Amino acid sequence: MKICPAAAACSLRVIRLLVLLIPAVLFVLVARLLTEPVPSGTQRDFVTELSLREIPEIFERFSAIVGSDVWERRIRQLNAEIRHNPLIEHHVRREYMVAYALERCGELLQRREYFPEPGPDTSDFYQALGFARQVLGMTDQATPLEAQRMISRVRDAVVNPPAMRGLRLELAVATHFARRGHRLAWPEMIGAGTFDLLLPELGTDGLEIECKSISNDKGRSVHRREVLALLQQIQPLVRPICATLKVDLIVVVSVLQRLPTSKEALLAIANRVRNQIWLSQTSQFIDGYSVDVFQLDAGTLRAAMTPPGDMRAAISKVIGPGHREAMVFDARESGGALAVVIQGVRADDMLGATFETLRQAAKRQLTQSRAGLLVAGFEDLSTTQLVGIAEQENDPQRPPTALGPHVHRLLAEPQRNHVIGVALLSRSELLSHAGQVVDTAGASFSFLNRSSRYWKLDFEGMFGERREP
């Protein structure tokens, strides 16, 4: 059943996010989407439900205090960039998920059209409205100065994807602990610290929490948006070649440092790629780029593109494992296919970069005078993937993952003894809805440091069964 804003007064459907925790080192965290943390540190009632009939008011209030012109202006700029390079559309819409969802909500309300049915395809829409509701809940209970600080932060986050990822992660973590009955304080909003959250009732004198959002580009020299800009230049140059291909080719462009940003420099690289394909040879260039050409039997890549084929596995089988971006051109008329792969020369090190960020957070943002918890949220890691990593890490019959040594090294460092735990979170996903309930879930894999001088027994229950207020 769809809900029409015009008939909102008679709509009683409610979107809720349930908390489901399994007490162990590995647990699945399903936090309620909407909660109402108190920025001043004095907890009142938390909002744990959102009726769809509230959406028009929520959108109107959020637009008024944040300013709808903030996201409308940025979306106009992004749409112009997409028209120039359609390859970036999916990436851009994902990066600016909240801005695009707010724009869509405004359009639906203006045209008095139905809201979309809650489900996996509309996850972004309802998570964005949940974000707006949380912001309103915080500003409602804040002092004027605190509210203005929050509004300024939100305005920046709406047009700045890293800031939005960080803010949404912070609110997700706050939601988890609020649902467990903990009182929250927001040190940065009241000028009392540089960490994200304080749980004043845990431990001897509270638990500090610092959250770090980890993007897909973390620890990688080749970033997705830059690759898409290069592929835009390569695409028209290789299409004529594809029309004559009788075999399959994998063309690998290796980058020593970062890709350039100027159109002229990208076009120069694209021309090299085209020339090497024509010559069907590998070349190393003095400025650090190389182009390798691999020939396969015709139909190999097409088979990998056909379910249940795996293009990533097919490419890795030829050039070895690793993180890389690729575009495939299927030349059906000639029988061949072409895969253009962009990769960094230096090995990617997402985990190394992530844990270095956590080390710096432990040093510079936690006060080191009370217990601290570090939380890393991985934007591109699904619930299933993180659960699989945790299951492998906890199974003595299987080889350990690369994760364990990083965590144990950080927690064993004497200068980090104030850190009583590290939690790794997957992205939040709207999984399903039944009746009047929409479930959103994410996974978390946690490690506790019981040897910390600040360790207290009440930290054991942080990720166990929910404590009733």
Protein backbone atom coordinates (compact mmCIF):
# COMPACT_ATOMS: atom_id res chain seq x y z
CA MET A 1 0.00 0.00 0.00
CA LYS A 2 1.31 3.44 -0.92
CA ILE A 3 0.85 6.45 1.28
CA CYS A 4 -0.32 9.69 -0.29
CA PRO A 5 0.75 12.95 1.42
CA ALA A 6 -2.69 14.40 0.67
CA ALA A 7 -4.23 11.67 2.79
CA ALA A 8 -1.55 11.80 5.46
CA ALA A 9 -3.98 12.54 8.27
CA CYS A 10 -5.53 9.09 7.95
CA SER A 11 -2.25 7.25 7.52
CA LEU A 12 -1.14 5.25 10.54
CA ARG A 13 1.65 3.26 8.94
CA VAL A 14 4.84 3.41 10.94
CA ILE A 15 8.43 2.80 9.89
CA ARG A 16 10.44 1.29 12.71
CA LEU A 17 13.92 -0.10 12.97
CA LEU A 18 14.30 -2.98 15.39
CA VAL A 19 17.25 -3.67 17.65
CA LEU A 20 18.50 -7.25 17.47
CA LEU A 21 21.79 -8.00 19.15
CA ILE A 22 23.57 -11.33 19.67
CA PRO A 23 25.89 -11.15 22.71
CA ALA A 24 29.31 -12.32 21.50
CA VAL A 25 32.44 -10.95 19.87
CA LEU A 26 30.52 -11.25 16.62
CA PHE A 27 27.08 -9.71 16.68
CA VAL A 28 24.54 -8.35 14.28
CA LEU A 29 23.48 -4.81 15.08
CA VAL A 30 20.03 -3.76 13.90
CA ALA A 31 19.47 -0.26 15.26
CA ARG A 32 16.22 1.64 15.04
CA LEU A 33 16.32 4.18 12.26
CA LEU A 34 15.00 7.09 14.25
CA THR A 35 15.99 8.21 17.68
CA GLU A 36 16.23 11.57 19.33
CA PRO A 37 19.65 12.08 20.98
CA VAL A 38 20.03 15.08 23.23
CA PRO A 39 22.97 17.33 22.29
CA SER A 40 23.27 18.95 25.70
CA GLY A 41 23.81 15.60 27.42
CA THR A 42 20.52 15.67 29.34
CA GLN A 43 18.43 12.82 28.01
CA ARG A 44 14.70 13.11 27.55
CA ASP A 45 12.37 10.77 25.67
CA PHE A 46 13.85 9.34 22.51
CA VAL A 47 11.78 9.10 19.35
CA THR A 48 11.87 5.51 18.12
CA GLU A 49 9.10 5.60 15.51
CA LEU A 50 8.30 7.65 12.46
CA SER A 51 4.76 7.74 11.12
CA LEU A 52 4.60 8.47 7.42
CA ARG A 53 1.97 11.08 8.12
CA GLU A 54 4.72 13.12 9.81
CA ILE A 55 6.86 13.31 6.67
CA PRO A 56 5.35 16.53 5.24
CA GLU A 57 5.92 18.37 8.52
CA ILE A 58 9.42 16.91 8.93
CA PHE A 59 10.40 17.92 5.42
CA GLU A 60 8.96 21.42 5.83
CA ARG A 61 10.74 22.01 9.14
CA PHE A 62 14.04 20.52 7.94
CA SER A 63 13.91 22.64 4.77
CA ALA A 64 13.25 25.73 6.84
CA ILE A 65 16.10 25.34 9.34
CA VAL A 66 18.72 23.88 6.97
CA GLY A 67 17.61 25.63 3.80
CA SER A 68 16.38 23.64 0.80
CA ASP A 69 18.52 25.86 -1.42
CA VAL A 70 21.58 24.08 0.02
CA TRP A 71 20.80 20.74 -1.66
CA GLU A 72 18.88 22.19 -4.62
CA ARG A 73 21.87 24.26 -5.73
CA ARG A 74 24.29 21.35 -5.34
CA ILE A 75 22.00 18.95 -7.22
CA ARG A 76 21.79 21.36 -10.16
CA GLN A 77 25.59 21.34 -10.32
CA LEU A 78 25.74 17.54 -10.06
CA ASN A 79 23.11 17.03 -12.75
CA ALA A 80 25.14 19.23 -15.08
CA GLU A 81 28.20 17.07 -14.39
CA ILE A 82 26.18 13.91 -15.05
CA ARG A 83 24.98 15.27 -18.40
CA HIS A 84 28.62 15.85 -19.30
CA ASN A 85 29.69 12.37 -18.13
CA PRO A 86 26.81 9.86 -17.69
CA LEU A 87 29.27 7.28 -16.31
CA ILE A 88 29.34 9.09 -12.97
CA GLU A 89 25.58 9.09 -12.37
CA HIS A 90 25.37 6.00 -10.14
CA HIS A 91 28.43 7.06 -8.14
CA VAL A 92 27.21 10.64 -7.70
CA ARG A 93 23.71 9.64 -6.65
CA ARG A 94 25.13 7.27 -4.09
CA GLU A 95 27.58 9.83 -2.73
CA TYR A 96 24.86 12.49 -2.42
CA MET A 97 22.12 10.08 -1.36
CA VAL A 98 20.58 12.37 1.26
CA ALA A 99 20.50 15.42 -1.03
CA TYR A 100 18.79 13.51 -3.85
CA ALA A 101 16.31 11.89 -1.46
CA LEU A 102 15.36 15.27 -0.01
CA GLU A 103 14.88 16.66 -3.50
CA ARG A 104 12.62 13.73 -4.39
CA CYS A 105 10.58 14.15 -1.21
CA GLY A 106 10.05 17.83 -1.99
CA GLU A 107 8.92 17.05 -5.52
CA LEU A 108 6.45 14.39 -4.35
CA LEU A 109 4.95 16.73 -1.78
CA GLN A 110 4.71 19.58 -4.27
CA ARG A 111 2.92 17.39 -6.81
CA ARG A 112 0.91 15.67 -4.07
CA GLU A 113 1.99 12.27 -5.36
CA TYR A 114 2.31 8.97 -3.53
CA PHE A 115 5.37 8.16 -1.46
CA PRO A 116 7.26 5.11 -2.76
CA GLU A 117 6.59 1.74 -1.21
CA PRO A 118 9.19 1.01 1.50
CA GLY A 119 11.66 -1.61 0.34
CA PRO A 120 15.30 -2.17 -0.65
CA ASP A 121 14.92 0.06 -3.72
CA THR A 122 13.70 2.98 -1.59
CA SER A 123 16.17 2.53 1.26
CA ASP A 124 17.92 5.82 0.49
CA PHE A 125 14.64 7.75 0.54
CA TYR A 126 13.55 6.60 3.98
CA GLN A 127 17.01 6.65 5.53
CA ALA A 128 17.34 10.28 4.44
CA LEU A 129 14.03 11.16 6.07
CA GLY A 130 15.17 9.33 9.18
CA PHE A 131 18.31 11.47 9.15
CA ALA A 132 16.19 14.63 8.88
CA ARG A 133 14.04 13.52 11.80
CA GLN A 134 17.09 12.88 13.96
CA VAL A 135 18.48 16.32 13.19
CA LEU A 136 15.18 17.93 14.17
CA GLY A 137 15.10 15.92 17.39
CA MET A 138 18.57 17.13 18.29
CA THR A 139 17.93 20.80 17.51
CA ASP A 140 14.60 20.72 19.37
CA GLN A 141 16.39 19.80 22.60
CA ALA A 142 19.48 21.95 22.09
CA THR A 143 20.31 25.44 23.26
CA PRO A 144 20.24 28.08 20.48
CA LEU A 145 24.05 27.99 20.18
CA GLU A 146 24.14 24.18 20.09
CA ALA A 147 21.34 24.08 17.53
CA GLN A 148 23.18 26.53 15.29
CA ARG A 149 26.34 24.42 15.46
CA MET A 150 24.34 21.36 14.46
CA ILE A 151 22.61 23.16 11.59
CA SER A 152 25.95 24.40 10.25
CA ARG A 153 27.31 20.88 10.38
CA VAL A 154 24.26 19.50 8.56
CA ARG A 155 24.47 22.14 5.84
CA ASP A 156 28.04 21.14 5.19
CA ALA A 157 27.21 17.43 5.28
CA VAL A 158 24.39 17.68 2.73
CA VAL A 159 26.85 18.86 0.06
CA ASN A 160 29.98 17.12 1.38
CA PRO A 161 29.80 13.29 1.16
CA PRO A 162 32.62 12.53 3.67
CA ALA A 163 31.00 14.83 6.22
CA MET A 164 27.61 13.20 5.64
CA ARG A 165 29.04 9.71 6.04
CA GLY A 166 30.66 10.75 9.30
CA LEU A 167 27.52 12.39 10.66
CA ARG A 168 25.26 9.49 9.71
CA LEU A 169 27.66 7.00 11.29
CA GLU A 170 27.73 9.05 14.47
CA LEU A 171 23.93 9.11 14.61
CA ALA A 172 23.74 5.37 13.94
CA VAL A 173 26.07 4.65 16.86
CA ALA A 174 24.12 7.05 19.06
CA THR A 175 20.92 5.25 18.05
CA HIS A 176 22.34 1.91 19.14
CA PHE A 177 23.31 3.12 22.60
CA ALA A 178 20.16 5.21 23.04
CA ARG A 179 18.02 2.16 22.30
CA ARG A 180 19.92 0.36 25.04
CA GLY A 181 18.86 2.99 27.54
CA HIS A 182 22.14 4.90 27.80
CA ARG A 183 22.24 8.64 28.35
CA LEU A 184 24.18 10.51 25.66
CA ALA A 185 26.24 13.69 25.59
CA TRP A 186 27.55 15.43 22.46
CA PRO A 187 30.89 17.01 23.44
CA GLU A 188 31.63 18.73 20.13
CA MET A 189 28.28 20.52 20.13
CA ILE A 190 28.79 21.97 23.58
CA GLY A 191 32.53 22.59 23.21
CA ALA A 192 33.51 19.96 25.78
CA GLY A 193 35.76 17.75 23.66
CA THR A 194 36.76 16.68 20.15
CA PHE A 195 35.32 13.15 20.25
CA ASP A 196 31.84 12.36 18.94
CA LEU A 197 29.85 10.90 21.84
CA LEU A 198 30.05 10.46 25.60
CA LEU A 199 28.14 7.84 27.58
CA PRO A 200 28.47 9.39 31.04
CA GLU A 201 27.03 6.45 32.95
CA LEU A 202 29.39 3.75 31.63
CA GLY A 203 32.70 2.96 33.28
CA THR A 204 34.20 4.97 36.11
CA ASP A 205 33.44 8.40 34.67
CA GLY A 206 31.99 7.72 31.24
CA LEU A 207 32.89 6.20 27.88
CA GLU A 208 34.18 8.36 25.03
CA ILE A 209 33.28 7.25 21.48
CA GLU A 210 35.00 8.39 18.29
CA CYS A 211 33.50 7.33 14.94
CA LYS A 212 35.36 7.19 11.63
CA SER A 213 33.58 6.59 8.33
CA ILE A 214 35.67 4.60 5.86
CA SER A 215 34.99 5.17 2.17
CA ASN A 216 35.72 2.84 -0.73
CA ASP A 217 38.74 5.00 -1.64
CA LYS A 218 40.47 4.66 1.73
CA GLY A 219 44.09 3.53 1.33
CA ARG A 220 43.85 3.48 -2.47
CA SER A 221 45.78 5.62 -4.92
CA VAL A 222 43.13 5.29 -7.62
CA HIS A 223 39.82 6.84 -6.61
CA ARG A 224 36.52 5.93 -8.22
CA ARG A 225 35.45 9.42 -9.35
CA GLU A 226 38.84 9.98 -11.03
CA VAL A 227 38.62 6.61 -12.79
CA LEU A 228 35.18 7.46 -14.16
CA ALA A 229 36.56 10.72 -15.54
CA LEU A 230 39.35 8.81 -17.32
CA LEU A 231 36.95 6.19 -18.68
CA GLN A 232 34.86 9.02 -20.11
CA GLN A 233 37.87 10.00 -22.24
CA ILE A 234 38.72 6.41 -23.16
CA GLN A 235 35.21 5.35 -24.15
CA PRO A 236 34.85 7.19 -27.53
CA LEU A 237 38.42 6.31 -28.55
CA VAL A 238 38.05 2.54 -28.15
CA ARG A 239 34.55 2.08 -29.57
CA PRO A 240 35.80 2.01 -33.20
CA ILE A 241 38.34 -0.64 -32.18
CA CYS A 242 35.62 -2.78 -30.59
CA ALA A 243 33.75 -2.89 -33.90
CA THR A 244 36.59 -4.93 -35.42
CA LEU A 245 37.65 -7.14 -32.49
CA LYS A 246 37.67 -10.88 -33.18
CA VAL A 247 39.16 -11.78 -29.78
CA ASP A 248 38.75 -10.64 -26.20
CA LEU A 249 41.22 -8.11 -24.78
CA ILE A 250 41.92 -6.97 -21.25
CA VAL A 251 43.76 -3.64 -21.25
CA VAL A 252 45.24 -2.68 -17.88
CA VAL A 253 46.22 0.93 -17.17
CA SER A 254 48.51 1.10 -14.13
CA VAL A 255 48.92 4.40 -12.29
CA LEU A 256 51.94 5.18 -10.11
CA GLN A 257 50.43 8.07 -8.15
CA ARG A 258 46.99 9.69 -8.38
CA LEU A 259 45.25 10.23 -11.69
CA PRO A 260 45.33 13.81 -13.00
CA THR A 261 42.20 15.92 -12.86
CA SER A 262 42.57 18.06 -15.97
CA LYS A 263 40.69 16.98 -19.09
CA GLU A 264 43.81 17.45 -21.23
CA ALA A 265 45.95 15.13 -19.10
CA LEU A 266 43.22 12.47 -19.00
CA LEU A 267 42.82 12.66 -22.78
CA ALA A 268 46.56 12.12 -23.19
CA ILE A 269 46.33 8.91 -21.14
CA ALA A 270 43.27 7.81 -23.14
CA ASN A 271 45.18 8.27 -26.39
CA ARG A 272 47.98 6.07 -25.06
CA VAL A 273 45.46 3.36 -24.28
CA ARG A 274 44.02 3.50 -27.78
CA ASN A 275 47.47 3.40 -29.39
CA GLN A 276 48.58 0.39 -27.34
CA ILE A 277 45.43 -1.49 -28.26
CA TRP A 278 46.09 -0.83 -31.96
CA LEU A 279 49.69 -1.97 -31.51
CA SER A 280 48.56 -4.87 -29.29
CA GLN A 281 51.58 -4.46 -27.06
CA THR A 282 52.54 -3.52 -23.52
CA SER A 283 54.40 -0.29 -22.79
CA GLN A 284 55.90 1.39 -19.75
CA PHE A 285 55.98 5.19 -19.87
CA ILE A 286 58.53 7.40 -18.16
CA ASP A 287 55.90 9.37 -16.23
CA GLY A 288 54.88 6.29 -14.24
CA TYR A 289 51.99 4.96 -16.32
CA SER A 290 51.95 1.58 -18.03
CA VAL A 291 49.50 -0.08 -20.40
CA ASP A 292 49.35 -3.89 -20.56
CA VAL A 293 47.36 -5.78 -23.19
CA PHE A 294 46.18 -9.36 -22.58
CA GLN A 295 44.49 -11.44 -25.27
CA LEU A 296 41.81 -14.07 -24.46
CA ASP A 297 39.63 -16.36 -26.50
CA ALA A 298 36.54 -14.70 -27.95
CA GLY A 299 33.55 -15.16 -25.65
CA THR A 300 35.52 -15.31 -22.39
CA LEU A 301 34.43 -11.86 -21.19
CA ARG A 302 30.91 -12.24 -22.52
CA ALA A 303 30.53 -15.42 -20.48
CA ALA A 304 31.70 -13.54 -17.39
CA MET A 305 29.07 -10.86 -18.04
CA THR A 306 26.27 -13.44 -18.25
CA PRO A 307 24.79 -14.61 -14.90
CA PRO A 308 26.08 -16.38 -12.93
CA GLY A 309 29.39 -15.18 -14.39
CA ASP A 310 31.81 -13.05 -12.35
CA MET A 311 33.66 -10.37 -14.29
CA ARG A 312 35.90 -9.47 -11.36
CA ALA A 313 36.97 -13.09 -11.00
CA ALA A 314 37.55 -13.42 -14.75
CA ILE A 315 39.83 -10.36 -14.78
CA SER A 316 41.66 -11.44 -11.62
CA LYS A 317 42.35 -14.83 -13.16
CA VAL A 318 44.32 -13.09 -15.93
CA ILE A 319 46.05 -10.23 -14.11
CA GLY A 320 45.97 -11.35 -10.47
CA PRO A 321 43.86 -10.32 -7.46
CA GLY A 322 43.42 -6.73 -6.37
CA HIS A 323 41.03 -3.81 -6.16
CA ARG A 324 40.49 -2.14 -9.52
CA GLU A 325 37.88 -0.38 -11.61
CA ALA A 326 36.88 -1.68 -15.05
CA MET A 327 34.63 -0.98 -18.02
CA VAL A 328 33.67 -3.70 -20.50
CA PHE A 329 32.78 -3.10 -24.16
CA ASP A 330 30.94 -6.01 -25.77
CA ALA A 331 31.53 -5.96 -29.55
CA ARG A 332 28.77 -8.40 -30.52
CA GLU A 333 28.99 -7.62 -34.23
CA SER A 334 32.64 -8.68 -34.49
CA GLY A 335 32.53 -11.38 -31.81
CA GLY A 336 35.10 -9.91 -29.41
CA ALA A 337 35.00 -7.85 -26.23
CA LEU A 338 37.26 -5.33 -24.52
CA ALA A 339 37.77 -4.73 -20.80
CA VAL A 340 39.61 -1.56 -19.78
CA VAL A 341 40.96 -1.88 -16.24
CA ILE A 342 42.39 0.98 -14.14
CA GLN A 343 44.55 0.12 -11.14
CA GLY A 344 47.21 1.59 -8.90
CA VAL A 345 50.81 0.39 -9.13
CA ARG A 346 51.14 0.40 -5.37
CA ALA A 347 49.18 -2.21 -3.46
CA ASP A 348 45.97 -0.96 -1.88
CA ASP A 349 45.97 -0.91 1.89
CA MET A 350 42.49 -0.04 3.12
CA LEU A 351 42.98 -1.77 6.47
CA GLY A 352 46.37 -0.17 7.04
CA ALA A 353 45.00 3.29 6.28
CA THR A 354 41.90 2.65 8.38
CA PHE A 355 43.82 1.61 11.47
CA GLU A 356 46.25 4.50 11.09
CA THR A 357 43.20 6.79 11.14
CA LEU A 358 41.97 5.04 14.29
CA ARG A 359 45.41 5.41 15.89
CA GLN A 360 45.39 9.13 15.24
CA ALA A 361 41.84 9.38 16.58
CA ALA A 362 42.89 7.59 19.79
CA LYS A 363 45.81 10.01 20.16
CA ARG A 364 44.25 13.32 19.13
CA GLN A 365 40.49 13.08 19.70
CA LEU A 366 40.03 10.85 22.73
CA THR A 367 41.13 12.62 25.91
CA GLN A 368 43.09 9.57 27.22
CA SER A 369 41.78 10.44 30.70
CA ARG A 370 38.85 8.02 30.54
CA ALA A 371 37.83 4.91 28.61
CA GLY A 372 37.46 5.27 24.84
CA LEU A 373 35.78 3.25 22.09
CA LEU A 374 36.76 3.52 18.41
CA VAL A 375 34.16 2.79 15.74
CA ALA A 376 34.95 2.38 12.03
CA GLY A 377 32.01 2.31 9.64
CA PHE A 378 32.73 0.84 6.20
CA GLU A 379 30.52 2.48 3.59
CA ASP A 380 31.05 -0.21 0.94
CA LEU A 381 30.95 -3.26 3.20
CA SER A 382 27.63 -5.10 3.27
CA THR A 383 26.16 -6.87 6.28
CA THR A 384 26.75 -10.25 4.66
CA GLN A 385 30.38 -9.44 3.89
CA LEU A 386 31.22 -8.29 7.43
CA VAL A 387 29.45 -11.25 9.00
CA GLY A 388 31.47 -13.53 6.71
CA ILE A 389 34.71 -11.85 7.79
CA ALA A 390 33.78 -12.22 11.46
CA GLU A 391 32.81 -15.87 11.05
CA GLN A 392 36.11 -16.65 9.37
CA GLU A 393 38.08 -14.73 12.00
CA ASN A 394 36.35 -16.64 14.79
CA ASP A 395 36.69 -20.09 13.17
CA PRO A 396 39.99 -21.80 14.21
CA GLN A 397 39.57 -24.26 11.32
CA ARG A 398 39.82 -21.49 8.71
CA PRO A 399 42.78 -19.21 7.89
CA PRO A 400 42.64 -15.88 9.75
CA THR A 401 41.72 -12.73 7.87
CA ALA A 402 43.99 -9.70 7.56
CA LEU A 403 41.81 -7.89 10.09
CA GLY A 404 42.86 -9.54 13.35
CA PRO A 405 46.54 -8.46 13.40
CA HIS A 406 45.59 -4.82 12.81
CA VAL A 407 43.13 -4.78 15.70
CA HIS A 408 45.35 -6.65 18.13
CA ARG A 409 48.34 -4.45 17.29
CA LEU A 410 46.37 -1.28 18.00
CA LEU A 411 44.94 -2.55 21.28
CA ALA A 412 48.32 -3.87 22.46
CA GLU A 413 50.13 -0.53 22.04
CA PRO A 414 50.82 0.95 25.52
CA GLN A 415 50.02 4.50 24.39
CA ARG A 416 46.57 3.26 23.31
CA ASN A 417 45.71 1.56 26.61
CA HIS A 418 42.81 3.96 27.15
CA VAL A 419 41.03 2.32 24.18
CA ILE A 420 38.75 -0.35 25.64
CA GLY A 421 37.47 -1.59 22.29
CA VAL A 422 37.24 -1.31 18.51
CA ALA A 423 34.00 -1.88 16.61
CA LEU A 424 33.78 -2.30 12.84
CA LEU A 425 30.40 -1.57 11.25
CA SER A 426 28.97 -2.42 7.84
CA ARG A 427 26.72 -0.04 5.94
CA SER A 428 23.10 0.21 6.99
CA GLU A 429 20.66 -1.59 4.69
CA LEU A 430 16.89 -1.47 4.41
CA LEU A 431 16.22 -5.18 4.20
CA SER A 432 12.48 -5.74 4.06
CA HIS A 433 9.14 -4.56 5.31
CA ALA A 434 6.17 -6.48 6.58
CA GLY A 435 2.93 -4.98 7.71
CA GLN A 436 3.72 -1.67 9.36
CA VAL A 437 7.41 -2.29 10.02
CA VAL A 438 10.48 -1.58 7.91
CA ASP A 439 13.70 -3.23 9.10
CA THR A 440 17.12 -1.73 8.55
CA ALA A 441 20.18 -3.70 9.57
CA GLY A 442 23.92 -3.50 9.73
CA ALA A 443 26.57 -5.80 11.11
CA SER A 444 29.28 -5.03 13.63
CA PHE A 445 32.39 -6.99 14.53
CA SER A 446 33.77 -5.86 17.87
CA PHE A 447 37.01 -6.41 19.79
CA LEU A 448 37.25 -5.59 23.49
CA ASN A 449 40.45 -4.66 25.34
CA ARG A 450 39.97 -6.06 28.83
CA SER A 451 43.60 -5.29 29.72
CA SER A 452 42.94 -1.54 29.54
CA ARG A 453 43.51 0.31 32.81
CA TYR A 454 40.03 1.83 32.31
CA TRP A 455 38.25 -1.46 31.73
CA LYS A 456 35.06 -1.99 33.74
CA LEU A 457 32.63 -4.89 33.78
CA ASP A 458 29.74 -2.79 32.48
CA PHE A 459 31.54 -2.49 29.13
CA GLU A 460 30.86 -6.20 28.63
CA GLY A 461 27.21 -5.44 27.91
CA MET A 462 27.76 -2.77 25.27
CA PHE A 463 26.96 -5.12 22.41
CA GLY A 464 24.87 -7.71 24.20
CA GLU A 465 21.15 -7.88 24.83
CA ARG A 466 19.48 -4.50 24.97
CA ARG A 467 19.25 -3.09 28.47
CA GLU A 468 15.79 -1.80 29.34
CA PRO A 469 15.72 1.78 30.64
